[in-house]
PDB file of N, CA and C in Angstrom:
ATOM      1  N   UNK A   1      10.751  31.139   1.495  1.00  0.00           N
ATOM      2  CA  UNK A   1      11.137  30.378   2.657  1.00  0.00           C
ATOM      3  C   UNK A   1      12.579  29.918   2.526  1.00  0.00           C
ATOM      4  N   UNK A   2      13.243  29.921   3.610  1.00  0.00           N
ATOM      5  CA  UNK A   2      14.620  29.461   3.582  1.00  0.00           C
ATOM      6  C   UNK A   2      14.647  27.943   3.511  1.00  0.00           C
ATOM      7  N   UNK A   3      15.755  27.440   3.032  1.00  0.00           N
ATOM      8  CA  UNK A   3      15.872  25.994   2.876  1.00  0.00           C
ATOM      9  C   UNK A   3      15.866  25.263   4.207  1.00  0.00           C
ATOM     10  N   UNK A   4      16.389  25.868   5.227  1.00  0.00           N
ATOM     11  CA  UNK A   4      16.409  25.188   6.524  1.00  0.00           C
ATOM     12  C   UNK A   4      15.003  25.039   7.099  1.00  0.00           C
ATOM     13  N   UNK A   5      14.176  26.065   6.955  1.00  0.00           N
ATOM     14  CA  UNK A   5      12.805  25.947   7.447  1.00  0.00           C
ATOM     15  C   UNK A   5      12.011  24.951   6.604  1.00  0.00           C
ATOM     16  N   UNK A   6      12.278  24.924   5.307  1.00  0.00           N
ATOM     17  CA  UNK A   6      11.634  23.925   4.459  1.00  0.00           C
ATOM     18  C   UNK A   6      12.041  22.512   4.889  1.00  0.00           C
ATOM     19  N   UNK A   7      13.318  22.360   5.177  1.00  0.00           N
ATOM     20  CA  UNK A   7      13.803  21.049   5.598  1.00  0.00           C
ATOM     21  C   UNK A   7      13.183  20.633   6.928  1.00  0.00           C
ATOM     22  N   UNK A   8      13.101  21.557   7.864  1.00  0.00           N
ATOM     23  CA  UNK A   8      12.529  21.246   9.178  1.00  0.00           C
ATOM     24  C   UNK A   8      11.048  20.893   9.047  1.00  0.00           C
ATOM     25  N   UNK A   9      10.310  21.666   8.249  1.00  0.00           N
ATOM     26  CA  UNK A   9       8.901  21.350   8.008  1.00  0.00           C
ATOM     27  C   UNK A   9       8.754  19.975   7.376  1.00  0.00           C
ATOM     28  N   UNK A  10       9.584  19.700   6.386  1.00  0.00           N
ATOM     29  CA  UNK A  10       9.533  18.406   5.699  1.00  0.00           C
ATOM     30  C   UNK A  10       9.856  17.273   6.657  1.00  0.00           C
ATOM     31  N   UNK A  11      10.896  17.452   7.440  1.00  0.00           N
ATOM     32  CA  UNK A  11      11.325  16.409   8.365  1.00  0.00           C
ATOM     33  C   UNK A  11      10.236  16.079   9.372  1.00  0.00           C
ATOM     34  N   UNK A  12       9.655  17.094   9.980  1.00  0.00           N
ATOM     35  CA  UNK A  12       8.633  16.849  10.987  1.00  0.00           C
ATOM     36  C   UNK A  12       7.356  16.274  10.387  1.00  0.00           C
ATOM     37  N   UNK A  13       6.994  16.726   9.197  1.00  0.00           N
ATOM     38  CA  UNK A  13       5.807  16.152   8.566  1.00  0.00           C
ATOM     39  C   UNK A  13       6.015  14.673   8.265  1.00  0.00           C
ATOM     40  N   UNK A  14       7.147  14.330   7.675  1.00  0.00           N
ATOM     41  CA  UNK A  14       7.423  12.933   7.341  1.00  0.00           C
ATOM     42  C   UNK A  14       7.477  12.088   8.610  1.00  0.00           C
ATOM     43  N   UNK A  15       8.113  12.591   9.627  1.00  0.00           N
ATOM     44  CA  UNK A  15       8.215  11.868  10.888  1.00  0.00           C
ATOM     45  C   UNK A  15       6.835  11.612  11.488  1.00  0.00           C
ATOM     46  N   UNK A  16       6.032  12.623  11.588  1.00  0.00           N
ATOM     47  CA  UNK A  16       4.699  12.488  12.178  1.00  0.00           C
ATOM     48  C   UNK A  16       3.806  11.615  11.312  1.00  0.00           C
ATOM     49  N   UNK A  17       3.870  11.797   9.996  1.00  0.00           N
ATOM     50  CA  UNK A  17       3.014  11.011   9.104  1.00  0.00           C
ATOM     51  C   UNK A  17       3.371   9.530   9.139  1.00  0.00           C
ATOM     52  N   UNK A  18       4.635   9.198   9.195  1.00  0.00           N
ATOM     53  CA  UNK A  18       5.024   7.786   9.247  1.00  0.00           C
ATOM     54  C   UNK A  18       4.637   7.155  10.581  1.00  0.00           C
ATOM     55  N   UNK A  19       4.689   7.910  11.645  1.00  0.00           N
ATOM     56  CA  UNK A  19       4.238   7.392  12.939  1.00  0.00           C
ATOM     57  C   UNK A  19       2.732   7.139  12.905  1.00  0.00           C
ATOM     58  N   UNK A  20       1.978   8.077  12.375  1.00  0.00           N
ATOM     59  CA  UNK A  20       0.519   7.909  12.286  1.00  0.00           C
ATOM     60  C   UNK A  20       0.162   6.742  11.375  1.00  0.00           C
ATOM     61  N   UNK A  21       0.806   6.665  10.225  1.00  0.00           N
ATOM     62  CA  UNK A  21       0.464   5.593   9.290  1.00  0.00           C
ATOM     63  C   UNK A  21       0.878   4.223   9.809  1.00  0.00           C
ATOM     64  N   UNK A  22       1.955   4.137  10.561  1.00  0.00           N
ATOM     65  CA  UNK A  22       2.319   2.840  11.140  1.00  0.00           C
ATOM     66  C   UNK A  22       1.327   2.450  12.240  1.00  0.00           C
ATOM     67  N   UNK A  23       0.783   3.418  12.936  1.00  0.00           N
ATOM     68  CA  UNK A  23      -0.248   3.128  13.929  1.00  0.00           C
ATOM     69  C   UNK A  23      -1.519   2.634  13.250  1.00  0.00           C
ATOM     70  N   UNK A  24      -1.888   3.234  12.123  1.00  0.00           N
ATOM     71  CA  UNK A  24      -3.103   2.833  11.407  1.00  0.00           C
ATOM     72  C   UNK A  24      -2.934   1.535  10.618  1.00  0.00           C
ATOM     73  N   UNK A  25      -1.707   1.115  10.432  1.00  0.00           N
ATOM     74  CA  UNK A  25      -1.440  -0.082   9.641  1.00  0.00           C
ATOM     75  C   UNK A  25      -2.038  -1.340  10.272  1.00  0.00           C
ATOM     76  N   UNK A  26      -2.026  -1.450  11.579  1.00  0.00           N
ATOM     77  CA  UNK A  26      -2.594  -2.637  12.214  1.00  0.00           C
ATOM     78  C   UNK A  26      -4.102  -2.697  12.004  1.00  0.00           C
ATOM     79  N   UNK A  27      -4.773  -1.548  11.950  1.00  0.00           N
ATOM     80  CA  UNK A  27      -6.206  -1.537  11.675  1.00  0.00           C
ATOM     81  C   UNK A  27      -6.476  -1.909  10.216  1.00  0.00           C
ATOM     82  N   UNK A  28      -5.616  -1.488   9.313  1.00  0.00           N
ATOM     83  CA  UNK A  28      -5.758  -1.862   7.920  1.00  0.00           C
ATOM     84  C   UNK A  28      -5.569  -3.377   7.761  1.00  0.00           C
ATOM     85  N   UNK A  29      -4.623  -3.952   8.497  1.00  0.00           N
ATOM     86  CA  UNK A  29      -4.388  -5.389   8.435  1.00  0.00           C
ATOM     87  C   UNK A  29      -5.630  -6.163   8.893  1.00  0.00           C
ATOM     88  N   UNK A  30      -6.239  -5.731   9.982  1.00  0.00           N
ATOM     89  CA  UNK A  30      -7.454  -6.387  10.489  1.00  0.00           C
ATOM     90  C   UNK A  30      -8.599  -6.229   9.508  1.00  0.00           C
ATOM     91  N   UNK A  31      -8.798  -5.016   9.008  1.00  0.00           N
ATOM     92  CA  UNK A  31      -9.881  -4.755   8.060  1.00  0.00           C
ATOM     93  C   UNK A  31      -9.695  -5.573   6.785  1.00  0.00           C
ATOM     94  N   UNK A  32      -8.478  -5.598   6.268  1.00  0.00           N
ATOM     95  CA  UNK A  32      -8.212  -6.323   5.031  1.00  0.00           C
ATOM     96  C   UNK A  32      -8.449  -7.810   5.235  1.00  0.00           C
ATOM     97  N   UNK A  33      -7.943  -8.365   6.309  1.00  0.00           N
ATOM     98  CA  UNK A  33      -8.076  -9.801   6.551  1.00  0.00           C
ATOM     99  C   UNK A  33      -9.541 -10.205   6.691  1.00  0.00           C
ATOM    100  N   UNK A  34     -10.316  -9.408   7.447  1.00  0.00           N
ATOM    101  CA  UNK A  34     -11.680  -9.797   7.756  1.00  0.00           C
ATOM    102  C   UNK A  34     -12.665  -9.526   6.631  1.00  0.00           C
ATOM    103  N   UNK A  35     -12.536  -8.387   5.957  1.00  0.00           N
ATOM    104  CA  UNK A  35     -13.560  -7.985   5.008  1.00  0.00           C
ATOM    105  C   UNK A  35     -13.164  -8.157   3.543  1.00  0.00           C
ATOM    106  N   UNK A  36     -11.905  -8.230   3.243  1.00  0.00           N
ATOM    107  CA  UNK A  36     -11.502  -8.327   1.833  1.00  0.00           C
ATOM    108  C   UNK A  36     -10.934  -9.700   1.521  1.00  0.00           C
ATOM    109  N   UNK A  37      -9.857 -10.078   2.191  1.00  0.00           N
ATOM    110  CA  UNK A  37      -9.128 -11.281   1.802  1.00  0.00           C
ATOM    111  C   UNK A  37      -9.907 -12.562   2.071  1.00  0.00           C
ATOM    112  N   UNK A  38     -10.483 -12.705   3.255  1.00  0.00           N
ATOM    113  CA  UNK A  38     -11.182 -13.953   3.569  1.00  0.00           C
ATOM    114  C   UNK A  38     -12.446 -14.140   2.741  1.00  0.00           C
ATOM    115  N   UNK A  39     -13.079 -13.060   2.313  1.00  0.00           N
ATOM    116  CA  UNK A  39     -14.276 -13.190   1.481  1.00  0.00           C
ATOM    117  C   UNK A  39     -13.936 -13.619   0.052  1.00  0.00           C
ATOM    118  N   UNK A  40     -12.814 -13.186  -0.462  1.00  0.00           N
ATOM    119  CA  UNK A  40     -12.473 -13.488  -1.854  1.00  0.00           C
ATOM    120  C   UNK A  40     -11.573 -14.707  -1.956  1.00  0.00           C
ATOM    121  N   UNK A  41     -10.944 -15.099  -0.859  1.00  0.00           N
ATOM    122  CA  UNK A  41     -10.046 -16.243  -0.871  1.00  0.00           C
ATOM    123  C   UNK A  41     -10.770 -17.546  -1.224  1.00  0.00           C
ATOM    124  N   UNK A  42     -12.064 -17.613  -0.987  1.00  0.00           N
ATOM    125  CA  UNK A  42     -12.842 -18.809  -1.292  1.00  0.00           C
ATOM    126  C   UNK A  42     -12.740 -19.208  -2.760  1.00  0.00           C
ATOM    127  N   UNK A  43     -12.488 -18.244  -3.614  1.00  0.00           N
ATOM    128  CA  UNK A  43     -12.347 -18.523  -5.043  1.00  0.00           C
ATOM    129  C   UNK A  43     -11.197 -19.494  -5.285  1.00  0.00           C
ATOM    130  N   UNK A  44     -10.141 -19.366  -4.516  1.00  0.00           N
ATOM    131  CA  UNK A  44      -8.943 -20.166  -4.741  1.00  0.00           C
ATOM    132  C   UNK A  44      -9.006 -21.539  -4.073  1.00  0.00           C
ATOM    133  N   UNK A  45     -10.112 -21.863  -3.415  1.00  0.00           N
ATOM    134  CA  UNK A  45     -10.262 -23.174  -2.776  1.00  0.00           C
ATOM    135  C   UNK A  45     -11.064 -24.168  -3.615  1.00  0.00           C
ATOM    136  N   UNK A  46     -11.506 -23.777  -4.772  1.00  0.00           N
ATOM    137  CA  UNK A  46     -12.335 -24.661  -5.597  1.00  0.00           C
ATOM    138  C   UNK A  46     -11.499 -25.751  -6.256  1.00  0.00           C
ATOM    139  N   UNK A  47     -12.174 -26.810  -6.645  1.00  0.00           N
ATOM    140  CA  UNK A  47     -11.520 -27.951  -7.280  1.00  0.00           C
ATOM    141  C   UNK A  47     -10.929 -27.562  -8.647  1.00  0.00           C
ATOM    142  N   UNK A  48     -11.420 -26.480  -9.219  1.00  0.00           N
ATOM    143  CA  UNK A  48     -10.916 -26.011 -10.511  1.00  0.00           C
ATOM    144  C   UNK A  48      -9.405 -25.810 -10.477  1.00  0.00           C
ATOM    145  N   UNK A  49      -8.897 -25.213  -9.393  1.00  0.00           N
ATOM    146  CA  UNK A  49      -7.465 -24.917  -9.308  1.00  0.00           C
ATOM    147  C   UNK A  49      -6.638 -26.187  -9.184  1.00  0.00           C
ATOM    148  N   UNK A  50      -7.190 -27.198  -8.490  1.00  0.00           N
ATOM    149  CA  UNK A  50      -6.460 -28.462  -8.368  1.00  0.00           C
ATOM    150  C   UNK A  50      -6.432 -29.201  -9.700  1.00  0.00           C
ATOM    151  N   UNK A  51      -7.536 -29.114 -10.444  1.00  0.00           N
ATOM    152  CA  UNK A  51      -7.578 -29.733 -11.771  1.00  0.00           C
ATOM    153  C   UNK A  51      -6.627 -29.010 -12.713  1.00  0.00           C
ATOM    154  N   UNK A  52      -6.634 -27.701 -12.659  1.00  0.00           N
ATOM    155  CA  UNK A  52      -5.731 -26.924 -13.514  1.00  0.00           C
ATOM    156  C   UNK A  52      -4.276 -27.218 -13.166  1.00  0.00           C
ATOM    157  N   UNK A  53      -4.009 -27.447 -11.914  1.00  0.00           N
ATOM    158  CA  UNK A  53      -2.651 -27.781 -11.481  1.00  0.00           C
ATOM    159  C   UNK A  53      -2.181 -29.093 -12.107  1.00  0.00           C
ATOM    160  N   UNK A  54      -3.078 -30.059 -12.207  1.00  0.00           N
ATOM    161  CA  UNK A  54      -2.719 -31.337 -12.841  1.00  0.00           C
ATOM    162  C   UNK A  54      -2.405 -31.141 -14.319  1.00  0.00           C
ATOM    163  N   UNK A  55      -3.185 -30.288 -14.981  1.00  0.00           N
ATOM    164  CA  UNK A  55      -2.959 -30.053 -16.415  1.00  0.00           C
ATOM    165  C   UNK A  55      -1.684 -29.253 -16.676  1.00  0.00           C
ATOM    166  N   UNK A  56      -1.267 -28.463 -15.714  1.00  0.00           N
ATOM    167  CA  UNK A  56      -0.077 -27.628 -15.888  1.00  0.00           C
ATOM    168  C   UNK A  56       1.174 -28.273 -15.291  1.00  0.00           C
ATOM    169  N   UNK A  57       1.164 -29.592 -15.164  1.00  0.00           N
ATOM    170  CA  UNK A  57       2.320 -30.351 -14.678  1.00  0.00           C
ATOM    171  C   UNK A  57       2.775 -29.879 -13.302  1.00  0.00           C
ATOM    172  N   UNK A  58       1.850 -29.830 -12.366  1.00  0.00           N
ATOM    173  CA  UNK A  58       2.071 -29.442 -10.969  1.00  0.00           C
ATOM    174  C   UNK A  58       2.542 -27.996 -10.792  1.00  0.00           C
ATOM    175  N   UNK A  59       2.235 -27.149 -11.727  1.00  0.00           N
ATOM    176  CA  UNK A  59       2.477 -25.707 -11.552  1.00  0.00           C
ATOM    177  C   UNK A  59       1.218 -25.125 -10.938  1.00  0.00           C
ATOM    178  N   UNK A  60       1.310 -24.630  -9.716  1.00  0.00           N
ATOM    179  CA  UNK A  60       0.144 -24.175  -8.956  1.00  0.00           C
ATOM    180  C   UNK A  60      -0.180 -22.722  -9.292  1.00  0.00           C
ATOM    181  N   UNK A  61      -0.929 -22.527 -10.338  1.00  0.00           N
ATOM    182  CA  UNK A  61      -1.304 -21.187 -10.771  1.00  0.00           C
ATOM    183  C   UNK A  61      -2.210 -20.503  -9.745  1.00  0.00           C
ATOM    184  N   UNK A  62      -3.067 -21.267  -9.086  1.00  0.00           N
ATOM    185  CA  UNK A  62      -3.969 -20.695  -8.076  1.00  0.00           C
ATOM    186  C   UNK A  62      -3.212 -20.063  -6.926  1.00  0.00           C
ATOM    187  N   UNK A  63      -2.125 -20.695  -6.498  1.00  0.00           N
ATOM    188  CA  UNK A  63      -1.317 -20.139  -5.405  1.00  0.00           C
ATOM    189  C   UNK A  63      -0.721 -18.796  -5.798  1.00  0.00           C
ATOM    190  N   UNK A  64      -0.179 -18.726  -7.006  1.00  0.00           N
ATOM    191  CA  UNK A  64       0.446 -17.468  -7.433  1.00  0.00           C
ATOM    192  C   UNK A  64      -0.578 -16.373  -7.667  1.00  0.00           C
ATOM    193  N   UNK A  65      -1.758 -16.735  -8.151  1.00  0.00           N
ATOM    194  CA  UNK A  65      -2.809 -15.726  -8.291  1.00  0.00           C
ATOM    195  C   UNK A  65      -3.310 -15.257  -6.928  1.00  0.00           C
ATOM    196  N   UNK A  66      -3.366 -16.159  -5.978  1.00  0.00           N
ATOM    197  CA  UNK A  66      -3.765 -15.775  -4.621  1.00  0.00           C
ATOM    198  C   UNK A  66      -2.739 -14.826  -3.999  1.00  0.00           C
ATOM    199  N   UNK A  67      -1.458 -15.118  -4.182  1.00  0.00           N
ATOM    200  CA  UNK A  67      -0.420 -14.226  -3.652  1.00  0.00           C
ATOM    201  C   UNK A  67      -0.439 -12.871  -4.367  1.00  0.00           C
ATOM    202  N   UNK A  68      -0.697 -12.884  -5.667  1.00  0.00           N
ATOM    203  CA  UNK A  68      -0.820 -11.627  -6.411  1.00  0.00           C
ATOM    204  C   UNK A  68      -1.997 -10.810  -5.895  1.00  0.00           C
ATOM    205  N   UNK A  69      -3.115 -11.479  -5.650  1.00  0.00           N
ATOM    206  CA  UNK A  69      -4.282 -10.783  -5.108  1.00  0.00           C
ATOM    207  C   UNK A  69      -3.984 -10.221  -3.721  1.00  0.00           C
ATOM    208  N   UNK A  70      -3.298 -10.998  -2.900  1.00  0.00           N
ATOM    209  CA  UNK A  70      -2.957 -10.537  -1.547  1.00  0.00           C
ATOM    210  C   UNK A  70      -2.055  -9.301  -1.614  1.00  0.00           C
ATOM    211  N   UNK A  71      -1.100  -9.331  -2.530  1.00  0.00           N
ATOM    212  CA  UNK A  71      -0.196  -8.190  -2.681  1.00  0.00           C
ATOM    213  C   UNK A  71      -0.940  -6.964  -3.213  1.00  0.00           C
ATOM    214  N   UNK A  72      -1.767  -7.182  -4.231  1.00  0.00           N
ATOM    215  CA  UNK A  72      -2.458  -6.056  -4.868  1.00  0.00           C
ATOM    216  C   UNK A  72      -3.539  -5.456  -3.974  1.00  0.00           C
ATOM    217  N   UNK A  73      -4.104  -6.248  -3.092  1.00  0.00           N
ATOM    218  CA  UNK A  73      -5.179  -5.719  -2.260  1.00  0.00           C
ATOM    219  C   UNK A  73      -4.711  -5.292  -0.877  1.00  0.00           C
ATOM    220  N   UNK A  74      -3.511  -5.684  -0.469  1.00  0.00           N
ATOM    221  CA  UNK A  74      -3.033  -5.295   0.865  1.00  0.00           C
ATOM    222  C   UNK A  74      -1.819  -4.382   0.808  1.00  0.00           C
ATOM    223  N   UNK A  75      -0.773  -4.832   0.165  1.00  0.00           N
ATOM    224  CA  UNK A  75       0.489  -4.081   0.189  1.00  0.00           C
ATOM    225  C   UNK A  75       0.412  -2.781  -0.613  1.00  0.00           C
ATOM    226  N   UNK A  76      -0.138  -2.834  -1.810  1.00  0.00           N
ATOM    227  CA  UNK A  76      -0.183  -1.623  -2.635  1.00  0.00           C
ATOM    228  C   UNK A  76      -1.007  -0.502  -2.005  1.00  0.00           C
ATOM    229  N   UNK A  77      -2.242  -0.759  -1.543  1.00  0.00           N
ATOM    230  CA  UNK A  77      -2.970   0.347  -0.895  1.00  0.00           C
ATOM    231  C   UNK A  77      -2.289   0.859   0.368  1.00  0.00           C
ATOM    232  N   UNK A  78      -1.660  -0.044   1.107  1.00  0.00           N
ATOM    233  CA  UNK A  78      -0.973   0.375   2.332  1.00  0.00           C
ATOM    234  C   UNK A  78       0.173   1.326   2.008  1.00  0.00           C
ATOM    235  N   UNK A  79       0.971   0.977   1.014  1.00  0.00           N
ATOM    236  CA  UNK A  79       2.110   1.827   0.657  1.00  0.00           C
ATOM    237  C   UNK A  79       1.665   3.115  -0.026  1.00  0.00           C
ATOM    238  N   UNK A  80       0.605   3.050  -0.808  1.00  0.00           N
ATOM    239  CA  UNK A  80       0.086   4.276  -1.428  1.00  0.00           C
ATOM    240  C   UNK A  80      -0.415   5.235  -0.357  1.00  0.00           C
ATOM    241  N   UNK A  81      -1.137   4.708   0.626  1.00  0.00           N
ATOM    242  CA  UNK A  81      -1.626   5.547   1.725  1.00  0.00           C
ATOM    243  C   UNK A  81      -0.471   6.163   2.498  1.00  0.00           C
ATOM    244  N   UNK A  82       0.638   5.451   2.569  1.00  0.00           N
ATOM    245  CA  UNK A  82       1.769   5.932   3.355  1.00  0.00           C
ATOM    246  C   UNK A  82       2.572   7.003   2.605  1.00  0.00           C
ATOM    247  N   UNK A  83       2.825   6.806   1.316  1.00  0.00           N
ATOM    248  CA  UNK A  83       3.802   7.650   0.631  1.00  0.00           C
ATOM    249  C   UNK A  83       3.222   8.722  -0.291  1.00  0.00           C
ATOM    250  N   UNK A  84       2.018   8.581  -0.770  1.00  0.00           N
ATOM    251  CA  UNK A  84       1.443   9.612  -1.647  1.00  0.00           C
ATOM    252  C   UNK A  84       1.255  10.945  -0.914  1.00  0.00           C
ATOM    253  N   UNK A  85       0.730  10.972   0.316  1.00  0.00           N
ATOM    254  CA  UNK A  85       0.640  12.276   1.012  1.00  0.00           C
ATOM    255  C   UNK A  85       2.000  12.914   1.249  1.00  0.00           C
ATOM    256  N   UNK A  86       3.003  12.106   1.527  1.00  0.00           N
ATOM    257  CA  UNK A  86       4.348  12.651   1.707  1.00  0.00           C
ATOM    258  C   UNK A  86       4.825  13.302   0.418  1.00  0.00           C
ATOM    259  N   UNK A  87       4.610  12.614  -0.686  1.00  0.00           N
ATOM    260  CA  UNK A  87       5.036  13.149  -1.986  1.00  0.00           C
ATOM    261  C   UNK A  87       4.360  14.487  -2.276  1.00  0.00           C
ATOM    262  N   UNK A  88       3.041  14.557  -2.120  1.00  0.00           N
ATOM    263  CA  UNK A  88       2.330  15.794  -2.445  1.00  0.00           C
ATOM    264  C   UNK A  88       2.674  16.932  -1.480  1.00  0.00           C
ATOM    265  N   UNK A  89       2.837  16.624  -0.209  1.00  0.00           N
ATOM    266  CA  UNK A  89       3.189  17.676   0.747  1.00  0.00           C
ATOM    267  C   UNK A  89       4.593  18.209   0.482  1.00  0.00           C
ATOM    268  N   UNK A  90       5.537  17.313   0.258  1.00  0.00           N
ATOM    269  CA  UNK A  90       6.903  17.769  -0.018  1.00  0.00           C
ATOM    270  C   UNK A  90       6.983  18.526  -1.331  1.00  0.00           C
ATOM    271  N   UNK A  91       6.235  18.090  -2.302  1.00  0.00           N
ATOM    272  CA  UNK A  91       6.210  18.806  -3.569  1.00  0.00           C
ATOM    273  C   UNK A  91       5.642  20.208  -3.394  1.00  0.00           C
ATOM    274  N   UNK A  92       4.603  20.324  -2.580  1.00  0.00           N
ATOM    275  CA  UNK A  92       4.021  21.657  -2.382  1.00  0.00           C
ATOM    276  C   UNK A  92       4.964  22.574  -1.604  1.00  0.00           C
ATOM    277  N   UNK A  93       5.782  22.029  -0.738  1.00  0.00           N
ATOM    278  CA  UNK A  93       6.730  22.863   0.018  1.00  0.00           C
ATOM    279  C   UNK A  93       7.919  23.268  -0.852  1.00  0.00           C
ATOM    280  N   UNK A  94       8.511  22.317  -1.528  1.00  0.00           N
ATOM    281  CA  UNK A  94       9.779  22.570  -2.203  1.00  0.00           C
ATOM    282  C   UNK A  94       9.638  23.173  -3.596  1.00  0.00           C
ATOM    283  N   UNK A  95       8.469  23.099  -4.196  1.00  0.00           N
ATOM    284  CA  UNK A  95       8.344  23.613  -5.558  1.00  0.00           C
ATOM    285  C   UNK A  95       7.497  24.896  -5.581  1.00  0.00           C
ATOM    286  N   UNK A  96       7.374  25.557  -4.477  1.00  0.00           N
ATOM    287  CA  UNK A  96       6.669  26.816  -4.468  1.00  0.00           C
ATOM    288  C   UNK A  96       7.488  27.861  -5.210  1.00  0.00           C
ATOM    289  N   UNK A  97       6.817  28.581  -6.073  1.00  0.00           N
ATOM    290  CA  UNK A  97       7.501  29.677  -6.778  1.00  0.00           C
ATOM    291  C   UNK A  97       7.314  30.962  -5.985  1.00  0.00           C
ATOM    292  N   UNK A  98       8.348  31.715  -5.860  1.00  0.00           N
ATOM    293  CA  UNK A  98       8.219  32.975  -5.100  1.00  0.00           C
ATOM    294  C   UNK A  98       7.292  33.944  -5.843  1.00  0.00           C
ATOM    295  N   UNK A  99       6.539  34.699  -5.066  1.00  0.00           N
ATOM    296  CA  UNK A  99       5.624  35.657  -5.662  1.00  0.00           C
ATOM    297  C   UNK A  99       6.395  36.843  -6.204  1.00  0.00           C
ATOM    298  N   UNK A 100       6.013  37.230  -7.395  1.00  0.00           N
ATOM    299  CA  UNK A 100       6.655  38.408  -8.020  1.00  0.00           C
ATOM    300  C   UNK A 100       5.901  39.657  -7.593  1.00  0.00           C
ATOM    301  N   UNK A 101       6.660  40.663  -7.189  1.00  0.00           N
ATOM    302  CA  UNK A 101       5.999  41.910  -6.768  1.00  0.00           C
ATOM    303  C   UNK A 101       6.141  42.989  -7.802  1.00  0.00           C
TER     304      UNK A 101
END
């Protein structure tokens, strides 16, 4: 394949995939908020975290663990879903070895 056709294929795939994934992102946000984050967030509302905060000289460890959980359960899967297919598709296009005859 010529480089220009590879580039055009790559460009259109990335363009279409990013449009599709941005459309699906709002559904992921709703699903994550309703079924994942709100169910597990209750852990961070217990009196344990407030007591631990007093022992750690007002360092709110529960808040940072909650933000870490939010990042690990929302942002990472969203970005993996967005960029891993692009990586594998582009790799399959650009690293094809020509067939030997």
